[in-house]
Amino acid sequence: MMNPRRAIGILMLSPIYFRLTLEQRRELVAEYCRLFSQGDQE
């Protein structure tokens, strides 16, 4: 299970993450968690 805190830690490894606005970061974290959860279910 991917939680937002863990997702942020992983996404912060990318320099592009810091170029995003706060709203874009929130969307990215939500999408990352959703896709990670889908992969676990398949």
PDB file of N, CA and C in Angstrom:
ATOM      1  N   MET A   1       0.845  -1.191   0.000  1.00  0.00           N
ATOM      2  CA  MET A   1       0.000   0.000   0.000  1.00  0.00           C
ATOM      3  C   MET A   1       0.883   1.244   0.000  1.00  0.00           C
ATOM      4  N   MET A   2       0.575   2.150  -0.874  1.00  0.00           N
ATOM      5  CA  MET A   2       1.338   3.393  -0.984  1.00  0.00           C
ATOM      6  C   MET A   2       0.577   4.498  -0.261  1.00  0.00           C
ATOM      7  N   ASN A   3       1.228   5.116   0.704  1.00  0.00           N
ATOM      8  CA  ASN A   3       0.601   6.254   1.363  1.00  0.00           C
ATOM      9  C   ASN A   3       1.233   7.537   0.824  1.00  0.00           C
ATOM     10  N   PRO A   4       0.555   8.676   0.992  1.00  0.00           N
ATOM     11  CA  PRO A   4       1.069   9.931   0.430  1.00  0.00           C
ATOM     12  C   PRO A   4       2.472  10.304   0.923  1.00  0.00           C
ATOM     13  N   ARG A   5       2.774  10.051   2.176  1.00  0.00           N
ATOM     14  CA  ARG A   5       4.096  10.403   2.706  1.00  0.00           C
ATOM     15  C   ARG A   5       5.194   9.616   1.983  1.00  0.00           C
ATOM     16  N   ARG A   6       4.946   8.340   1.778  1.00  0.00           N
ATOM     17  CA  ARG A   6       5.926   7.494   1.075  1.00  0.00           C
ATOM     18  C   ARG A   6       6.055   7.916  -0.385  1.00  0.00           C
ATOM     19  N   ALA A   7       4.922   8.233  -1.015  1.00  0.00           N
ATOM     20  CA  ALA A   7       4.928   8.680  -2.408  1.00  0.00           C
ATOM     21  C   ALA A   7       5.729   9.970  -2.558  1.00  0.00           C
ATOM     22  N   ILE A   8       5.538  10.911  -1.645  1.00  0.00           N
ATOM     23  CA  ILE A   8       6.276  12.171  -1.702  1.00  0.00           C
ATOM     24  C   ILE A   8       7.770  11.912  -1.580  1.00  0.00           C
ATOM     25  N   GLY A   9       8.162  11.023  -0.680  1.00  0.00           N
ATOM     26  CA  GLY A   9       9.572  10.689  -0.529  1.00  0.00           C
ATOM     27  C   GLY A   9      10.180  10.161  -1.809  1.00  0.00           C
ATOM     28  N   ILE A  10       9.436   9.342  -2.530  1.00  0.00           N
ATOM     29  CA  ILE A  10       9.915   8.787  -3.799  1.00  0.00           C
ATOM     30  C   ILE A  10       9.935   9.870  -4.887  1.00  0.00           C
ATOM     31  N   LEU A  11       8.865  10.641  -4.961  1.00  0.00           N
ATOM     32  CA  LEU A  11       8.765  11.661  -6.006  1.00  0.00           C
ATOM     33  C   LEU A  11       9.781  12.787  -5.814  1.00  0.00           C
ATOM     34  N   MET A  12      10.191  13.035  -4.580  1.00  0.00           N
ATOM     35  CA  MET A  12      11.169  14.093  -4.318  1.00  0.00           C
ATOM     36  C   MET A  12      12.545  13.749  -4.883  1.00  0.00           C
ATOM     37  N   LEU A  13      12.763  12.516  -5.262  1.00  0.00           N
ATOM     38  CA  LEU A  13      14.023  12.125  -5.877  1.00  0.00           C
ATOM     39  C   LEU A  13      14.150  12.690  -7.293  1.00  0.00           C
ATOM     40  N   SER A  14      13.035  13.137  -7.860  1.00  0.00           N
ATOM     41  CA  SER A  14      13.043  13.703  -9.206  1.00  0.00           C
ATOM     42  C   SER A  14      13.162  15.229  -9.122  1.00  0.00           C
ATOM     43  N   PRO A  15      14.118  15.811  -9.856  1.00  0.00           N
ATOM     44  CA  PRO A  15      14.241  17.274  -9.830  1.00  0.00           C
ATOM     45  C   PRO A  15      13.016  17.981 -10.419  1.00  0.00           C
ATOM     46  N   ILE A  16      12.272  17.309 -11.252  1.00  0.00           N
ATOM     47  CA  ILE A  16      11.079  17.905 -11.853  1.00  0.00           C
ATOM     48  C   ILE A  16      10.005  18.160 -10.793  1.00  0.00           C
ATOM     49  N   TYR A  17       9.963  17.343  -9.762  1.00  0.00           N
ATOM     50  CA  TYR A  17       8.972  17.498  -8.699  1.00  0.00           C
ATOM     51  C   TYR A  17       8.998  18.915  -8.130  1.00  0.00           C
ATOM     52  N   PHE A  18      10.170  19.492  -7.987  1.00  0.00           N
ATOM     53  CA  PHE A  18      10.310  20.804  -7.363  1.00  0.00           C
ATOM     54  C   PHE A  18       9.931  21.952  -8.295  1.00  0.00           C
ATOM     55  N   ARG A  19       9.751  21.659  -9.565  1.00  0.00           N
ATOM     56  CA  ARG A  19       9.310  22.690 -10.522  1.00  0.00           C
ATOM     57  C   ARG A  19       7.793  22.785 -10.586  1.00  0.00           C
ATOM     58  N   LEU A  20       7.099  21.854  -9.966  1.00  0.00           N
ATOM     59  CA  LEU A  20       5.644  21.841 -10.001  1.00  0.00           C
ATOM     60  C   LEU A  20       5.076  22.789  -8.948  1.00  0.00           C
ATOM     61  N   THR A  21       3.876  23.282  -9.211  1.00  0.00           N
ATOM     62  CA  THR A  21       3.181  24.083  -8.201  1.00  0.00           C
ATOM     63  C   THR A  21       2.656  23.143  -7.114  1.00  0.00           C
ATOM     64  N   LEU A  22       2.227  23.703  -6.020  1.00  0.00           N
ATOM     65  CA  LEU A  22       1.703  22.893  -4.919  1.00  0.00           C
ATOM     66  C   LEU A  22       0.507  22.055  -5.380  1.00  0.00           C
ATOM     67  N   GLU A  23      -0.375  22.673  -6.156  1.00  0.00           N
ATOM     68  CA  GLU A  23      -1.552  21.940  -6.647  1.00  0.00           C
ATOM     69  C   GLU A  23      -1.132  20.793  -7.568  1.00  0.00           C
ATOM     70  N   GLN A  24      -0.160  21.035  -8.435  1.00  0.00           N
ATOM     71  CA  GLN A  24       0.326  19.978  -9.333  1.00  0.00           C
ATOM     72  C   GLN A  24       0.967  18.855  -8.538  1.00  0.00           C
ATOM     73  N   ARG A  25       1.684  19.195  -7.479  1.00  0.00           N
ATOM     74  CA  ARG A  25       2.300  18.170  -6.628  1.00  0.00           C
ATOM     75  C   ARG A  25       1.229  17.317  -5.966  1.00  0.00           C
ATOM     76  N   ARG A  26       0.185  17.949  -5.481  1.00  0.00           N
ATOM     77  CA  ARG A  26      -0.914  17.191  -4.845  1.00  0.00           C
ATOM     78  C   ARG A  26      -1.547  16.223  -5.834  1.00  0.00           C
ATOM     79  N   GLU A  27      -1.779  16.707  -7.052  1.00  0.00           N
ATOM     80  CA  GLU A  27      -2.369  15.845  -8.082  1.00  0.00           C
ATOM     81  C   GLU A  27      -1.440  14.683  -8.416  1.00  0.00           C
ATOM     82  N   LEU A  28      -0.153  14.968  -8.530  1.00  0.00           N
ATOM     83  CA  LEU A  28       0.824  13.937  -8.850  1.00  0.00           C
ATOM     84  C   LEU A  28       0.875  12.866  -7.758  1.00  0.00           C
ATOM     85  N   VAL A  29       0.881  13.288  -6.502  1.00  0.00           N
ATOM     86  CA  VAL A  29       0.922  12.336  -5.384  1.00  0.00           C
ATOM     87  C   VAL A  29      -0.336  11.476  -5.387  1.00  0.00           C
ATOM     88  N   ALA A  30      -1.488  12.095  -5.590  1.00  0.00           N
ATOM     89  CA  ALA A  30      -2.744  11.341  -5.624  1.00  0.00           C
ATOM     90  C   ALA A  30      -2.741  10.333  -6.770  1.00  0.00           C
ATOM     91  N   GLU A  31      -2.289  10.763  -7.943  1.00  0.00           N
ATOM     92  CA  GLU A  31      -2.232   9.876  -9.104  1.00  0.00           C
ATOM     93  C   GLU A  31      -1.249   8.729  -8.879  1.00  0.00           C
ATOM     94  N   TYR A  32      -0.101   9.042  -8.300  1.00  0.00           N
ATOM     95  CA  TYR A  32       0.919   8.025  -8.018  1.00  0.00           C
ATOM     96  C   TYR A  32       0.354   6.964  -7.071  1.00  0.00           C
ATOM     97  N   CYS A  33      -0.305   7.413  -6.010  1.00  0.00           N
ATOM     98  CA  CYS A  33      -0.892   6.472  -5.049  1.00  0.00           C
ATOM     99  C   CYS A  33      -1.974   5.619  -5.709  1.00  0.00           C
ATOM    100  N   ARG A  34      -2.787   6.264  -6.545  1.00  0.00           N
ATOM    101  CA  ARG A  34      -3.874   5.531  -7.220  1.00  0.00           C
ATOM    102  C   ARG A  34      -3.296   4.474  -8.155  1.00  0.00           C
ATOM    103  N   LEU A  35      -2.311   4.845  -8.953  1.00  0.00           N
ATOM    104  CA  LEU A  35      -1.714   3.885  -9.890  1.00  0.00           C
ATOM    105  C   LEU A  35      -0.971   2.767  -9.159  1.00  0.00           C
ATOM    106  N   PHE A  36      -0.306   3.096  -8.076  1.00  0.00           N
ATOM    107  CA  PHE A  36       0.403   2.089  -7.302  1.00  0.00           C
ATOM    108  C   PHE A  36      -0.600   1.088  -6.727  1.00  0.00           C
ATOM    109  N   SER A  37      -1.751   1.585  -6.242  1.00  0.00           N
ATOM    110  CA  SER A  37      -2.781   0.704  -5.687  1.00  0.00           C
ATOM    111  C   SER A  37      -3.371  -0.201  -6.767  1.00  0.00           C
ATOM    112  N   GLN A  38      -3.553   0.345  -7.967  1.00  0.00           N
ATOM    113  CA  GLN A  38      -4.080  -0.465  -9.073  1.00  0.00           C
ATOM    114  C   GLN A  38      -3.139  -1.594  -9.409  1.00  0.00           C
ATOM    115  N   GLY A  39      -1.856  -1.312  -9.389  1.00  0.00           N
ATOM    116  CA  GLY A  39      -0.861  -2.335  -9.705  1.00  0.00           C
ATOM    117  C   GLY A  39      -0.875  -3.465  -8.674  1.00  0.00           C
ATOM    118  N   ASP A  40      -1.153  -3.135  -7.423  1.00  0.00           N
ATOM    119  CA  ASP A  40      -1.226  -4.162  -6.376  1.00  0.00           C
ATOM    120  C   ASP A  40      -2.424  -5.078  -6.583  1.00  0.00           C
ATOM    121  N   GLN A  41      -3.505  -4.534  -7.136  1.00  0.00           N
ATOM    122  CA  GLN A  41      -4.724  -5.318  -7.297  1.00  0.00           C
ATOM    123  C   GLN A  41      -4.669  -6.245  -8.503  1.00  0.00           C
ATOM    124  N   GLU A  42      -3.833  -5.939  -9.454  1.00  0.00           N
ATOM    125  CA  GLU A  42      -3.785  -6.763 -10.681  1.00  0.00           C
ATOM    126  C   GLU A  42      -2.995  -8.034 -10.474  1.00  0.00           C
TER     127      GLU A  42
END
